[in-house]
C-alpha atoms as a PDB file:
ATOM      1  CA  MET A   1      -4.948  46.431 -16.479  1.00  0.00           C
ATOM      2  CA  SER A   2      -1.735  47.917 -16.386  1.00  0.00           C
ATOM      3  CA  LEU A   3      -1.231  50.687 -13.375  1.00  0.00           C
ATOM      4  CA  PRO A   4       0.800  53.539 -13.822  1.00  0.00           C
ATOM      5  CA  SER A   5       3.979  53.495 -12.390  1.00  0.00           C
ATOM      6  CA  GLN A   6       4.915  57.008 -12.258  1.00  0.00           C
ATOM      7  CA  PHE A   7       3.316  59.895 -13.484  1.00  0.00           C
ATOM      8  CA  THR A   8       5.479  62.819 -15.442  1.00  0.00           C
ATOM      9  CA  GLY A   9       5.277  66.420 -15.795  1.00  0.00           C
ATOM     10  CA  VAL A  10       2.663  67.167 -12.779  1.00  0.00           C
ATOM     11  CA  THR A  11       2.603  69.407  -9.608  1.00  0.00           C
ATOM     12  CA  VAL A  12       2.286  67.613  -6.492  1.00  0.00           C
ATOM     13  CA  HIS A  13       0.746  69.179  -3.411  1.00  0.00           C
ATOM     14  CA  THR A  14       2.957  68.182  -0.723  1.00  0.00           C
ATOM     15  CA  LYS A  15       1.012  68.820   1.831  1.00  0.00           C
ATOM     16  CA  ALA A  16      -0.629  65.313   3.050  1.00  0.00           C
ATOM     17  CA  ASN A  17      -4.682  64.672   3.176  1.00  0.00           C
ATOM     18  CA  ILE A  18      -5.000  62.897   6.273  1.00  0.00           C
ATOM     19  CA  TYR A  19      -7.790  60.957   7.510  1.00  0.00           C
ATOM     20  CA  PHE A  20      -9.365  59.030  10.647  1.00  0.00           C
ATOM     21  CA  ASP A  21      -6.353  59.679  12.699  1.00  0.00           C
ATOM     22  CA  GLY A  22      -3.153  59.128  10.048  1.00  0.00           C
ATOM     23  CA  LYS A  23      -5.031  55.883   8.970  1.00  0.00           C
ATOM     24  CA  VAL A  24      -5.315  57.078   5.860  1.00  0.00           C
ATOM     25  CA  VAL A  25      -3.024  59.574   3.792  1.00  0.00           C
ATOM     26  CA  SER A  26      -2.686  60.698   0.622  1.00  0.00           C
ATOM     27  CA  HIS A  27      -1.184  63.410  -1.677  1.00  0.00           C
ATOM     28  CA  THR A  28      -2.534  65.242  -4.124  1.00  0.00           C
ATOM     29  CA  VAL A  29      -0.980  65.338  -7.551  1.00  0.00           C
ATOM     30  CA  LEU A  30      -2.562  67.069 -10.792  1.00  0.00           C
ATOM     31  CA  LEU A  31      -1.536  66.483 -14.147  1.00  0.00           C
ATOM     32  CA  PRO A  32      -0.500  68.936 -17.350  1.00  0.00           C
ATOM     33  CA  ASP A  33      -3.842  68.522 -18.855  1.00  0.00           C
ATOM     34  CA  GLY A  34      -5.937  69.218 -15.666  1.00  0.00           C
ATOM     35  CA  ALA A  35      -6.601  66.137 -14.599  1.00  0.00           C
ATOM     36  CA  LYS A  36      -6.375  65.091 -10.803  1.00  0.00           C
ATOM     37  CA  LYS A  37      -5.584  62.363  -8.667  1.00  0.00           C
ATOM     38  CA  THR A  38      -4.581  61.394  -4.572  1.00  0.00           C
ATOM     39  CA  LEU A  39      -2.118  58.445  -4.569  1.00  0.00           C
ATOM     40  CA  GLY A  40      -2.204  57.280  -0.969  1.00  0.00           C
ATOM     41  CA  LEU A  41      -1.891  54.348   1.866  1.00  0.00           C
ATOM     42  CA  ILE A  42      -4.496  52.911   3.927  1.00  0.00           C
ATOM     43  CA  TYR A  43      -3.619  51.330   6.995  1.00  0.00           C
ATOM     44  CA  PRO A  44      -5.096  47.979   8.213  1.00  0.00           C
ATOM     45  CA  GLY A  45      -9.407  49.255   9.414  1.00  0.00           C
ATOM     46  CA  SER A  46     -12.974  50.556   7.806  1.00  0.00           C
ATOM     47  CA  TYR A  47     -12.961  53.583   6.782  1.00  0.00           C
ATOM     48  CA  HIS A  48     -15.874  55.003   4.955  1.00  0.00           C
ATOM     49  CA  PHE A  49     -16.227  58.128   2.607  1.00  0.00           C
ATOM     50  CA  GLY A  50     -17.919  59.837   0.582  1.00  0.00           C
ATOM     51  CA  THR A  51     -17.893  61.364  -3.039  1.00  0.00           C
ATOM     52  CA  GLY A  52     -18.562  64.798  -5.079  1.00  0.00           C
ATOM     53  CA  ALA A  53     -17.381  63.687  -8.488  1.00  0.00           C
ATOM     54  CA  PRO A  54     -16.778  59.739  -9.705  1.00  0.00           C
ATOM     55  CA  GLU A  55     -14.234  58.440  -8.801  1.00  0.00           C
ATOM     56  CA  ARG A  56     -12.111  55.204  -9.784  1.00  0.00           C
ATOM     57  CA  MET A  57     -10.038  54.254  -6.669  1.00  0.00           C
ATOM     58  CA  GLU A  58      -7.059  51.311  -8.580  1.00  0.00           C
ATOM     59  CA  ILE A  59      -5.174  49.174  -5.877  1.00  0.00           C
ATOM     60  CA  VAL A  60      -1.434  49.597  -6.778  1.00  0.00           C
ATOM     61  CA  ALA A  61      -0.130  47.500  -3.299  1.00  0.00           C
ATOM     62  CA  GLY A  62      -1.934  45.004  -1.001  1.00  0.00           C
ATOM     63  CA  ALA A  63      -5.264  44.717  -1.121  1.00  0.00           C
ATOM     64  CA  CYS A  64      -8.858  46.323  -0.040  1.00  0.00           C
ATOM     65  CA  ARG A  65     -12.445  45.028   0.588  1.00  0.00           C
ATOM     66  CA  ALA A  66     -15.173  47.516  -0.138  1.00  0.00           C
ATOM     67  CA  THR A  67     -18.663  47.703  -0.415  1.00  0.00           C
ATOM     68  CA  LEU A  68     -20.660  51.044  -2.252  1.00  0.00           C
ATOM     69  CA  ASP A  69     -23.101  52.932  -0.333  1.00  0.00           C
ATOM     70  CA  GLY A  70     -26.229  50.612  -0.620  1.00  0.00           C
ATOM     71  CA  ALA A  71     -24.662  47.283  -1.477  1.00  0.00           C
ATOM     72  CA  THR A  72     -25.450  44.565   0.449  1.00  0.00           C
ATOM     73  CA  VAL A  73     -21.882  42.864  -0.548  1.00  0.00           C
ATOM     74  CA  ALA A  74     -18.212  43.593  -0.462  1.00  0.00           C
ATOM     75  CA  GLN A  75     -16.035  42.622  -3.131  1.00  0.00           C
ATOM     76  CA  ASP A  76     -12.450  42.020  -3.237  1.00  0.00           C
ATOM     77  CA  TYR A  77      -9.770  44.228  -4.797  1.00  0.00           C
ATOM     78  CA  PRO A  78      -6.588  42.859  -5.026  1.00  0.00           C
ATOM     79  CA  ALA A  79      -3.212  44.639  -6.782  1.00  0.00           C
ATOM     80  CA  GLY A  80      -3.993  45.378 -10.317  1.00  0.00           C
ATOM     81  CA  THR A  81      -7.686  46.179  -9.695  1.00  0.00           C
ATOM     82  CA  PHE A  82      -9.467  48.505  -9.321  1.00  0.00           C
ATOM     83  CA  PHE A  83     -13.401  50.123  -8.730  1.00  0.00           C
ATOM     84  CA  ASP A  84     -15.920  52.878  -9.976  1.00  0.00           C
ATOM     85  CA  VAL A  85     -17.927  54.989  -7.159  1.00  0.00           C
ATOM     86  CA  PRO A  86     -20.214  56.953  -8.593  1.00  0.00           C
ATOM     87  CA  GLY A  87     -20.989  61.431  -7.551  1.00  0.00           C
ATOM     88  CA  LYS A  88     -22.443  62.370  -4.583  1.00  0.00           C
ATOM     89  CA  CYS A  89     -22.069  58.401  -3.120  1.00  0.00           C
ATOM     90  CA  GLY A  90     -19.622  56.943  -0.818  1.00  0.00           C
ATOM     91  CA  PHE A  91     -18.447  53.442   0.070  1.00  0.00           C
ATOM     92  CA  THR A  92     -16.877  51.767   2.539  1.00  0.00           C
ATOM     93  CA  ILE A  93     -12.944  50.753   2.790  1.00  0.00           C
ATOM     94  CA  GLU A  94     -11.406  47.691   4.654  1.00  0.00           C
ATOM     95  CA  VAL A  95      -7.598  46.877   4.754  1.00  0.00           C
ATOM     96  CA  GLN A  96      -7.485  43.144   6.838  1.00  0.00           C
ATOM     97  CA  ALA A  97      -3.935  43.683   6.725  1.00  0.00           C
ATOM     98  CA  GLY A  98      -0.275  44.988   5.400  1.00  0.00           C
ATOM     99  CA  LEU A  99      -0.985  48.446   3.547  1.00  0.00           C
ATOM    100  CA  CYS A 100      -3.473  49.142   0.657  1.00  0.00           C
ATOM    101  CA  GLU A 101      -1.967  51.330  -1.448  1.00  0.00           C
ATOM    102  CA  TYR A 102      -4.080  52.897  -4.271  1.00  0.00           C
ATOM    103  CA  ILE A 103      -4.490  55.764  -7.119  1.00  0.00           C
ATOM    104  CA  CYS A 104      -7.755  57.744  -7.185  1.00  0.00           C
ATOM    105  CA  SER A 105      -8.935  59.610 -10.710  1.00  0.00           C
ATOM    106  CA  PHE A 106     -11.577  61.766  -9.696  1.00  0.00           C
ATOM    107  CA  LEU A 107     -13.507  61.420 -13.003  1.00  0.00           C
END
């Protein structure tokens, strides 16, 4: 899978989405076709997120470990990989060291 390195012709919300006392920060990007994505950074730690709509988390740089709600095994995701989260579900994402950079697409 090849992750995009840029998005052209987009609208970016300048106000950041800040979670967990600034340990997870993203900005919303609206594509010309109406698709919504967030681009963000995750600092070391473990964080739980709930989903309304299905999401795809693409790891741009760094690495993380994720566990979907109801799963018993965590999976590792290095840069260049992704995982999908069903709607009305949730997941725990863990970063061991450094920064994890991601693109979240709302499917």
